[in-house]
PDB file of N, CA and C in Angstrom:
ATOM      1  N   MET A   1     -38.667  64.416  19.327  1.00  0.00           N
ATOM      2  CA  MET A   1     -38.874  62.735  19.945  1.00  0.00           C
ATOM      3  C   MET A   1     -38.760  62.758  18.287  1.00  0.00           C
ATOM      4  N   ALA A   2     -37.277  61.691  18.137  1.00  0.00           N
ATOM      5  CA  ALA A   2     -36.839  61.222  17.079  1.00  0.00           C
ATOM      6  C   ALA A   2     -37.785  59.723  16.909  1.00  0.00           C
ATOM      7  N   SER A   3     -37.902  59.781  15.185  1.00  0.00           N
ATOM      8  CA  SER A   3     -38.640  58.675  14.956  1.00  0.00           C
ATOM      9  C   SER A   3     -37.569  57.589  14.535  1.00  0.00           C
ATOM     10  N   LEU A   4     -37.912  56.313  14.571  1.00  0.00           N
ATOM     11  CA  LEU A   4     -37.367  54.726  14.688  1.00  0.00           C
ATOM     12  C   LEU A   4     -37.114  54.609  13.501  1.00  0.00           C
ATOM     13  N   ILE A   5     -36.177  54.419  12.866  1.00  0.00           N
ATOM     14  CA  ILE A   5     -35.937  54.007  11.420  1.00  0.00           C
ATOM     15  C   ILE A   5     -34.632  53.016  11.156  1.00  0.00           C
ATOM     16  N   SER A   6     -34.426  51.804  10.598  1.00  0.00           N
ATOM     17  CA  SER A   6     -33.301  50.765  10.734  1.00  0.00           C
ATOM     18  C   SER A   6     -34.217  49.842  10.080  1.00  0.00           C
ATOM     19  N   PHE A   7     -34.945  49.683   8.979  1.00  0.00           N
ATOM     20  CA  PHE A   7     -35.375  48.541   8.396  1.00  0.00           C
ATOM     21  C   PHE A   7     -34.195  48.177   7.395  1.00  0.00           C
ATOM     22  N   GLN A   8     -33.160  48.600   7.551  1.00  0.00           N
ATOM     23  CA  GLN A   8     -32.091  48.171   6.211  1.00  0.00           C
ATOM     24  C   GLN A   8     -30.942  47.764   6.903  1.00  0.00           C
ATOM     25  N   PRO A   9     -30.553  46.719   6.522  1.00  0.00           N
ATOM     26  CA  PRO A   9     -29.011  46.556   7.391  1.00  0.00           C
ATOM     27  C   PRO A   9     -28.397  46.975   7.011  1.00  0.00           C
ATOM     28  N   SER A  10     -27.685  47.889   6.081  1.00  0.00           N
ATOM     29  CA  SER A  10     -27.101  48.526   5.597  1.00  0.00           C
ATOM     30  C   SER A  10     -26.557  50.015   6.454  1.00  0.00           C
ATOM     31  N   GLY A  11     -28.101  50.363   6.667  1.00  0.00           N
ATOM     32  CA  GLY A  11     -27.147  51.614   7.722  1.00  0.00           C
ATOM     33  C   GLY A  11     -27.607  52.941   7.062  1.00  0.00           C
ATOM     34  N   ARG A  12     -27.968  52.905   5.353  1.00  0.00           N
ATOM     35  CA  ARG A  12     -28.058  54.305   4.817  1.00  0.00           C
ATOM     36  C   ARG A  12     -29.025  55.051   5.435  1.00  0.00           C
ATOM     37  N   TYR A  13     -30.405  54.536   5.875  1.00  0.00           N
ATOM     38  CA  TYR A  13     -31.333  55.414   6.875  1.00  0.00           C
ATOM     39  C   TYR A  13     -30.575  56.131   7.954  1.00  0.00           C
ATOM     40  N   GLN A  14     -31.301  57.204   8.485  1.00  0.00           N
ATOM     41  CA  GLN A  14     -31.133  57.787   9.630  1.00  0.00           C
ATOM     42  C   GLN A  14     -32.250  58.522   9.789  1.00  0.00           C
ATOM     43  N   PRO A  15     -32.287  58.261  11.434  1.00  0.00           N
ATOM     44  CA  PRO A  15     -33.878  59.208  11.681  1.00  0.00           C
ATOM     45  C   PRO A  15     -33.382  60.422  11.734  1.00  0.00           C
ATOM     46  N   SER A  16     -34.753  60.709  11.569  1.00  0.00           N
ATOM     47  CA  SER A  16     -34.926  62.853  11.373  1.00  0.00           C
ATOM     48  C   SER A  16     -35.824  63.222  12.354  1.00  0.00           C
ATOM     49  N   ARG A  17     -35.359  64.450  13.539  1.00  0.00           N
ATOM     50  CA  ARG A  17     -36.047  64.928  14.392  1.00  0.00           C
ATOM     51  C   ARG A  17     -37.783  65.001  14.059  1.00  0.00           C
ATOM     52  N   ARG A  18     -38.749  64.749  14.685  1.00  0.00           N
ATOM     53  CA  ARG A  18     -39.839  65.081  14.336  1.00  0.00           C
ATOM     54  C   ARG A  18     -40.955  65.728  15.454  1.00  0.00           C
ATOM     55  N   SER A  19     -40.982  66.782  14.548  1.00  0.00           N
ATOM     56  CA  SER A  19     -41.995  68.004  15.096  1.00  0.00           C
ATOM     57  C   SER A  19     -43.322  67.151  15.805  1.00  0.00           C
ATOM     58  N   ARG A  20     -44.023  67.872  16.510  1.00  0.00           N
ATOM     59  CA  ARG A  20     -45.398  67.826  16.800  1.00  0.00           C
ATOM     60  C   ARG A  20     -46.219  67.599  15.279  1.00  0.00           C
ATOM     61  N   ALA A  21     -46.037  68.890  14.584  1.00  0.00           N
ATOM     62  CA  ALA A  21     -46.931  68.764  13.304  1.00  0.00           C
ATOM     63  C   ALA A  21     -46.377  67.936  12.433  1.00  0.00           C
ATOM     64  N   VAL A  22     -45.255  67.522  12.520  1.00  0.00           N
ATOM     65  CA  VAL A  22     -45.067  66.240  11.789  1.00  0.00           C
ATOM     66  C   VAL A  22     -45.629  65.041  12.222  1.00  0.00           C
ATOM     67  N   ALA A  23     -45.498  64.821  13.577  1.00  0.00           N
ATOM     68  CA  ALA A  23     -46.011  63.499  14.193  1.00  0.00           C
ATOM     69  C   ALA A  23     -47.741  63.699  13.964  1.00  0.00           C
ATOM     70  N   ARG A  24     -48.297  64.758  13.815  1.00  0.00           N
ATOM     71  CA  ARG A  24     -49.558  64.885  13.648  1.00  0.00           C
ATOM     72  C   ARG A  24     -49.909  64.680  11.890  1.00  0.00           C
ATOM     73  N   HIS A  25     -49.159  65.183  11.438  1.00  0.00           N
ATOM     74  CA  HIS A  25     -49.469  64.317   9.822  1.00  0.00           C
ATOM     75  C   HIS A  25     -48.957  63.022   9.404  1.00  0.00           C
ATOM     76  N   ALA A  26     -48.091  62.768  10.221  1.00  0.00           N
ATOM     77  CA  ALA A  26     -48.243  61.162   9.840  1.00  0.00           C
ATOM     78  C   ALA A  26     -49.292  60.648  10.601  1.00  0.00           C
ATOM     79  N   ALA A  27     -49.686  61.072  11.909  1.00  0.00           N
ATOM     80  CA  ALA A  27     -51.112  60.098  11.972  1.00  0.00           C
ATOM     81  C   ALA A  27     -51.562  60.234  10.833  1.00  0.00           C
ATOM     82  N   LEU A  28     -52.078  61.298  10.343  1.00  0.00           N
ATOM     83  CA  LEU A  28     -53.265  61.535   9.162  1.00  0.00           C
ATOM     84  C   LEU A  28     -53.112  60.744   8.629  1.00  0.00           C
ATOM     85  N   LEU A  29     -51.266  60.359   7.912  1.00  0.00           N
ATOM     86  CA  LEU A  29     -50.974  59.563   6.791  1.00  0.00           C
ATOM     87  C   LEU A  29     -51.380  58.104   7.120  1.00  0.00           C
ATOM     88  N   LYS A  30     -51.735  57.424   8.305  1.00  0.00           N
ATOM     89  CA  LYS A  30     -51.563  56.286   8.800  1.00  0.00           C
ATOM     90  C   LYS A  30     -53.084  55.948   8.652  1.00  0.00           C
ATOM     91  N   SER A  31     -53.462  56.692   9.252  1.00  0.00           N
ATOM     92  CA  SER A  31     -55.355  56.752   9.326  1.00  0.00           C
ATOM     93  C   SER A  31     -55.417  56.400   7.327  1.00  0.00           C
ATOM     94  N   PHE A  32     -55.024  57.571   6.830  1.00  0.00           N
ATOM     95  CA  PHE A  32     -55.505  57.404   5.512  1.00  0.00           C
ATOM     96  C   PHE A  32     -55.415  55.907   5.070  1.00  0.00           C
ATOM     97  N   VAL A  33     -53.997  55.621   4.538  1.00  0.00           N
ATOM     98  CA  VAL A  33     -53.238  53.654   4.560  1.00  0.00           C
ATOM     99  C   VAL A  33     -54.129  53.100   5.007  1.00  0.00           C
ATOM    100  N   ALA A  34     -54.460  53.200   6.462  1.00  0.00           N
ATOM    101  CA  ALA A  34     -55.145  52.382   6.779  1.00  0.00           C
ATOM    102  C   ALA A  34     -56.441  51.933   6.414  1.00  0.00           C
ATOM    103  N   ASP A  35     -57.540  53.198   5.993  1.00  0.00           N
ATOM    104  CA  ASP A  35     -58.491  53.367   5.471  1.00  0.00           C
ATOM    105  C   ASP A  35     -59.164  52.987   3.876  1.00  0.00           C
ATOM    106  N   ARG A  36     -57.960  53.393   3.427  1.00  0.00           N
ATOM    107  CA  ARG A  36     -57.594  52.898   1.839  1.00  0.00           C
ATOM    108  C   ARG A  36     -57.407  51.361   1.651  1.00  0.00           C
ATOM    109  N   LEU A  37     -56.335  51.123   2.130  1.00  0.00           N
ATOM    110  CA  LEU A  37     -56.830  49.408   2.497  1.00  0.00           C
ATOM    111  C   LEU A  37     -57.323  48.696   2.914  1.00  0.00           C
ATOM    112  N   LYS A  38     -58.166  49.320   3.745  1.00  0.00           N
ATOM    113  CA  LYS A  38     -59.626  48.398   4.768  1.00  0.00           C
ATOM    114  C   LYS A  38     -58.845  47.502   5.278  1.00  0.00           C
ATOM    115  N   LEU A  39     -57.667  48.385   6.177  1.00  0.00           N
ATOM    116  CA  LEU A  39     -56.680  47.311   6.973  1.00  0.00           C
ATOM    117  C   LEU A  39     -57.474  46.841   8.019  1.00  0.00           C
ATOM    118  N   SER A  40     -57.139  45.484   8.792  1.00  0.00           N
ATOM    119  CA  SER A  40     -58.250  45.154   9.973  1.00  0.00           C
ATOM    120  C   SER A  40     -57.205  45.669  10.997  1.00  0.00           C
ATOM    121  N   ASP A  41     -57.718  45.676  12.439  1.00  0.00           N
ATOM    122  CA  ASP A  41     -56.742  45.803  14.289  1.00  0.00           C
ATOM    123  C   ASP A  41     -55.671  45.452  13.882  1.00  0.00           C
ATOM    124  N   ASP A  42     -55.377  44.176  13.358  1.00  0.00           N
ATOM    125  CA  ASP A  42     -54.033  43.469  13.425  1.00  0.00           C
ATOM    126  C   ASP A  42     -53.166  43.940  12.573  1.00  0.00           C
ATOM    127  N   CYS A  43     -53.485  45.009  11.466  1.00  0.00           N
ATOM    128  CA  CYS A  43     -52.287  45.242  10.901  1.00  0.00           C
ATOM    129  C   CYS A  43     -51.602  46.830  11.444  1.00  0.00           C
ATOM    130  N   THR A  44     -50.224  47.191  11.144  1.00  0.00           N
ATOM    131  CA  THR A  44     -49.868  48.039  11.722  1.00  0.00           C
ATOM    132  C   THR A  44     -49.446  49.207  10.595  1.00  0.00           C
ATOM    133  N   VAL A  45     -49.701  50.127  10.305  1.00  0.00           N
ATOM    134  CA  VAL A  45     -48.793  51.023   9.352  1.00  0.00           C
ATOM    135  C   VAL A  45     -47.656  52.070  10.130  1.00  0.00           C
ATOM    136  N   SER A  46     -46.413  52.127   9.784  1.00  0.00           N
ATOM    137  CA  SER A  46     -45.359  52.863  10.211  1.00  0.00           C
ATOM    138  C   SER A  46     -44.795  53.996   9.379  1.00  0.00           C
ATOM    139  N   VAL A  47     -45.360  55.419   9.743  1.00  0.00           N
ATOM    140  CA  VAL A  47     -45.101  56.450   8.780  1.00  0.00           C
ATOM    141  C   VAL A  47     -43.853  57.270   9.186  1.00  0.00           C
ATOM    142  N   ASN A  48     -42.620  57.381   8.851  1.00  0.00           N
ATOM    143  CA  ASN A  48     -41.857  57.742   9.044  1.00  0.00           C
ATOM    144  C   ASN A  48     -40.549  58.667   8.238  1.00  0.00           C
ATOM    145  N   GLU A  49     -40.498  59.508   8.769  1.00  0.00           N
ATOM    146  CA  GLU A  49     -39.385  60.744   8.126  1.00  0.00           C
ATOM    147  C   GLU A  49     -37.915  60.198   8.297  1.00  0.00           C
ATOM    148  N   VAL A  50     -37.378  60.059   6.940  1.00  0.00           N
ATOM    149  CA  VAL A  50     -35.707  59.731   7.465  1.00  0.00           C
ATOM    150  C   VAL A  50     -34.463  60.251   6.537  1.00  0.00           C
ATOM    151  N   ARG A  51     -33.685  60.880   6.658  1.00  0.00           N
ATOM    152  CA  ARG A  51     -32.225  61.304   6.090  1.00  0.00           C
ATOM    153  C   ARG A  51     -31.598  60.180   5.433  1.00  0.00           C
ATOM    154  N   CYS A  52     -31.595  60.111   3.699  1.00  0.00           N
ATOM    155  CA  CYS A  52     -30.494  59.706   3.115  1.00  0.00           C
ATOM    156  C   CYS A  52     -29.342  60.146   2.915  1.00  0.00           C
ATOM    157  N   ALA A  53     -28.464  59.043   3.293  1.00  0.00           N
ATOM    158  CA  ALA A  53     -27.139  59.587   3.130  1.00  0.00           C
ATOM    159  C   ALA A  53     -26.468  59.243   1.785  1.00  0.00           C
ATOM    160  N   GLU A  54     -27.547  58.510   1.012  1.00  0.00           N
ATOM    161  CA  GLU A  54     -26.896  58.079  -0.363  1.00  0.00           C
ATOM    162  C   GLU A  54     -27.149  58.998  -1.587  1.00  0.00           C
ATOM    163  N   PRO A  55     -25.629  59.244  -2.410  1.00  0.00           N
ATOM    164  CA  PRO A  55     -25.861  60.123  -3.374  1.00  0.00           C
ATOM    165  C   PRO A  55     -26.828  60.410  -4.553  1.00  0.00           C
ATOM    166  N   GLY A  56     -27.611  61.658  -4.438  1.00  0.00           N
ATOM    167  CA  GLY A  56     -28.971  61.426  -5.237  1.00  0.00           C
ATOM    168  C   GLY A  56     -30.059  61.585  -4.462  1.00  0.00           C
ATOM    169  N   CYS A  57     -30.310  61.206  -3.787  1.00  0.00           N
ATOM    170  CA  CYS A  57     -31.280  60.746  -2.847  1.00  0.00           C
ATOM    171  C   CYS A  57     -31.727  62.330  -2.252  1.00  0.00           C
ATOM    172  N   PRO A  58     -32.974  62.490  -2.207  1.00  0.00           N
ATOM    173  CA  PRO A  58     -33.227  63.965  -1.650  1.00  0.00           C
ATOM    174  C   PRO A  58     -33.149  63.714   0.215  1.00  0.00           C
ATOM    175  N   ASP A  59     -32.565  64.835   0.728  1.00  0.00           N
ATOM    176  CA  ASP A  59     -32.771  65.277   2.082  1.00  0.00           C
ATOM    177  C   ASP A  59     -33.284  64.608   2.897  1.00  0.00           C
ATOM    178  N   LEU A  60     -35.079  65.019   2.934  1.00  0.00           N
ATOM    179  CA  LEU A  60     -35.519  63.667   3.809  1.00  0.00           C
ATOM    180  C   LEU A  60     -36.733  63.235   2.375  1.00  0.00           C
ATOM    181  N   GLU A  61     -36.653  61.988   3.181  1.00  0.00           N
ATOM    182  CA  GLU A  61     -38.025  61.348   2.606  1.00  0.00           C
ATOM    183  C   GLU A  61     -39.038  60.871   3.493  1.00  0.00           C
ATOM    184  N   THR A  62     -39.857  60.108   2.898  1.00  0.00           N
ATOM    185  CA  THR A  62     -41.096  59.412   4.010  1.00  0.00           C
ATOM    186  C   THR A  62     -41.106  57.982   3.379  1.00  0.00           C
ATOM    187  N   VAL A  63     -40.998  56.945   4.013  1.00  0.00           N
ATOM    188  CA  VAL A  63     -40.891  55.683   4.312  1.00  0.00           C
ATOM    189  C   VAL A  63     -42.289  55.098   5.113  1.00  0.00           C
ATOM    190  N   ILE A  64     -42.911  54.829   4.509  1.00  0.00           N
ATOM    191  CA  ILE A  64     -44.345  54.158   4.690  1.00  0.00           C
ATOM    192  C   ILE A  64     -43.995  52.493   4.937  1.00  0.00           C
ATOM    193  N   VAL A  65     -44.199  51.662   6.161  1.00  0.00           N
ATOM    194  CA  VAL A  65     -44.294  50.399   6.127  1.00  0.00           C
ATOM    195  C   VAL A  65     -45.657  50.313   6.447  1.00  0.00           C
ATOM    196  N   ILE A  66     -46.381  48.935   5.805  1.00  0.00           N
ATOM    197  CA  ILE A  66     -47.525  48.429   6.200  1.00  0.00           C
ATOM    198  C   ILE A  66     -47.566  46.955   6.648  1.00  0.00           C
ATOM    199  N   TRP A  67     -47.752  46.518   7.810  1.00  0.00           N
ATOM    200  CA  TRP A  67     -47.291  45.013   8.221  1.00  0.00           C
ATOM    201  C   TRP A  67     -48.818  44.021   8.453  1.00  0.00           C
ATOM    202  N   ARG A  68     -48.820  43.222   7.409  1.00  0.00           N
ATOM    203  CA  ARG A  68     -49.938  42.053   7.672  1.00  0.00           C
ATOM    204  C   ARG A  68     -49.594  40.784   8.384  1.00  0.00           C
ATOM    205  N   PRO A  69     -50.451  40.646   9.127  1.00  0.00           N
ATOM    206  CA  PRO A  69     -50.190  39.420   9.513  1.00  0.00           C
ATOM    207  C   PRO A  69     -50.488  38.392   8.103  1.00  0.00           C
ATOM    208  N   SER A  70     -48.985  37.038   8.308  1.00  0.00           N
ATOM    209  CA  SER A  70     -48.654  36.335   7.345  1.00  0.00           C
ATOM    210  C   SER A  70     -48.554  36.799   6.267  1.00  0.00           C
ATOM    211  N   GLN A  71     -47.902  38.067   6.032  1.00  0.00           N
ATOM    212  CA  GLN A  71     -47.648  38.305   4.558  1.00  0.00           C
ATOM    213  C   GLN A  71     -46.355  39.482   4.762  1.00  0.00           C
ATOM    214  N   GLU A  72     -45.568  39.773   3.990  1.00  0.00           N
ATOM    215  CA  GLU A  72     -44.460  40.342   3.925  1.00  0.00           C
ATOM    216  C   GLU A  72     -44.618  41.847   4.304  1.00  0.00           C
ATOM    217  N   PRO A  73     -43.964  42.516   4.577  1.00  0.00           N
ATOM    218  CA  PRO A  73     -44.171  44.035   5.028  1.00  0.00           C
ATOM    219  C   PRO A  73     -44.135  44.911   3.489  1.00  0.00           C
ATOM    220  N   LEU A  74     -45.140  45.713   3.564  1.00  0.00           N
ATOM    221  CA  LEU A  74     -45.065  46.580   2.418  1.00  0.00           C
ATOM    222  C   LEU A  74     -44.404  47.891   2.911  1.00  0.00           C
ATOM    223  N   ARG A  75     -43.366  48.139   1.707  1.00  0.00           N
ATOM    224  CA  ARG A  75     -42.393  49.213   2.033  1.00  0.00           C
ATOM    225  C   ARG A  75     -42.786  50.277   0.834  1.00  0.00           C
ATOM    226  N   LEU A  76     -43.314  51.239   1.095  1.00  0.00           N
ATOM    227  CA  LEU A  76     -43.633  52.919   0.322  1.00  0.00           C
ATOM    228  C   LEU A  76     -42.427  53.584   0.507  1.00  0.00           C
ATOM    229  N   ARG A  77     -42.035  54.445  -0.312  1.00  0.00           N
ATOM    230  CA  ARG A  77     -41.244  55.762  -0.483  1.00  0.00           C
ATOM    231  C   ARG A  77     -41.269  56.875  -0.850  1.00  0.00           C
ATOM    232  N   CYS A  78     -41.500  57.764  -0.801  1.00  0.00           N
ATOM    233  CA  CYS A  78     -42.130  58.958  -1.088  1.00  0.00           C
ATOM    234  C   CYS A  78     -41.263  59.867  -1.212  1.00  0.00           C
ATOM    235  N   LEU A  79     -40.896  60.742  -1.887  1.00  0.00           N
ATOM    236  CA  LEU A  79     -39.448  61.320  -1.819  1.00  0.00           C
ATOM    237  C   LEU A  79     -39.982  62.683  -1.627  1.00  0.00           C
ATOM    238  N   LYS A  80     -40.413  63.094  -0.159  1.00  0.00           N
ATOM    239  CA  LYS A  80     -40.718  64.034   0.129  1.00  0.00           C
ATOM    240  C   LYS A  80     -40.739  64.233   1.989  1.00  0.00           C
ATOM    241  N   PRO A  81     -40.271  65.188   2.403  1.00  0.00           N
ATOM    242  CA  PRO A  81     -40.745  65.058   3.433  1.00  0.00           C
ATOM    243  C   PRO A  81     -42.301  65.151   4.324  1.00  0.00           C
ATOM    244  N   VAL A  82     -42.223  64.405   5.308  1.00  0.00           N
ATOM    245  CA  VAL A  82     -43.425  63.983   5.717  1.00  0.00           C
ATOM    246  C   VAL A  82     -44.724  64.874   5.922  1.00  0.00           C
ATOM    247  N   ALA A  83     -44.267  66.105   5.954  1.00  0.00           N
ATOM    248  CA  ALA A  83     -45.085  67.149   6.317  1.00  0.00           C
ATOM    249  C   ALA A  83     -45.925  67.636   4.825  1.00  0.00           C
ATOM    250  N   ALA A  84     -45.154  67.414   3.861  1.00  0.00           N
ATOM    251  CA  ALA A  84     -45.629  67.384   2.494  1.00  0.00           C
ATOM    252  C   ALA A  84     -46.191  66.300   1.296  1.00  0.00           C
ATOM    253  N   VAL A  85     -46.402  65.452   1.834  1.00  0.00           N
ATOM    254  CA  VAL A  85     -46.857  64.005   1.471  1.00  0.00           C
ATOM    255  C   VAL A  85     -48.004  64.280   1.697  1.00  0.00           C
ATOM    256  N   THR A  86     -49.007  64.300   0.222  1.00  0.00           N
ATOM    257  CA  THR A  86     -50.130  64.313   0.344  1.00  0.00           C
ATOM    258  C   THR A  86     -51.166  63.132   0.339  1.00  0.00           C
ATOM    259  N   GLU A  87     -51.999  62.921   0.277  1.00  0.00           N
ATOM    260  CA  GLU A  87     -53.273  61.698   0.440  1.00  0.00           C
ATOM    261  C   GLU A  87     -52.765  61.098  -1.311  1.00  0.00           C
ATOM    262  N   GLU A  88     -53.526  62.205  -2.040  1.00  0.00           N
ATOM    263  CA  GLU A  88     -52.803  61.995  -3.556  1.00  0.00           C
ATOM    264  C   GLU A  88     -51.506  61.304  -3.791  1.00  0.00           C
ATOM    265  N   ASP A  89     -50.382  61.558  -3.156  1.00  0.00           N
ATOM    266  CA  ASP A  89     -49.283  61.280  -3.371  1.00  0.00           C
ATOM    267  C   ASP A  89     -49.369  59.638  -3.166  1.00  0.00           C
ATOM    268  N   ILE A  90     -49.765  59.529  -1.921  1.00  0.00           N
ATOM    269  CA  ILE A  90     -50.008  57.724  -1.257  1.00  0.00           C
ATOM    270  C   ILE A  90     -50.791  57.094  -1.934  1.00  0.00           C
ATOM    271  N   ALA A  91     -51.936  57.711  -2.375  1.00  0.00           N
ATOM    272  CA  ALA A  91     -52.836  56.922  -3.761  1.00  0.00           C
ATOM    273  C   ALA A  91     -51.808  56.381  -4.838  1.00  0.00           C
ATOM    274  N   LEU A  92     -51.350  57.477  -5.299  1.00  0.00           N
ATOM    275  CA  LEU A  92     -50.220  56.683  -6.435  1.00  0.00           C
ATOM    276  C   LEU A  92     -49.228  55.244  -5.794  1.00  0.00           C
ATOM    277  N   LEU A  93     -48.955  55.642  -4.618  1.00  0.00           N
ATOM    278  CA  LEU A  93     -48.325  54.511  -4.488  1.00  0.00           C
ATOM    279  C   LEU A  93     -48.621  53.242  -4.163  1.00  0.00           C
ATOM    280  N   LEU A  94     -50.034  53.587  -3.997  1.00  0.00           N
ATOM    281  CA  LEU A  94     -50.734  52.144  -3.490  1.00  0.00           C
ATOM    282  C   LEU A  94     -50.995  51.376  -4.813  1.00  0.00           C
TER     283      LEU A  94
END
């Protein structure tokens, strides 16, 4: 299954292939973000692993987007593949 990435009109992000293990880890990270921020059911958290084509960018990085009603989306970027992202990494971004 491919993740769906394309929130930047420049097209610099490309989707990467997602294994079941990566999908499970992404789901755990989503739950951690939702719990940590005490998000309500009308909020959405997206965790995706992307390939970055820009020079100096890591091959794979994790992009977390949090959508809350009546607010701009909060975009977090961790310079690691999804499987390597820890709760501590996310806590530092929040």
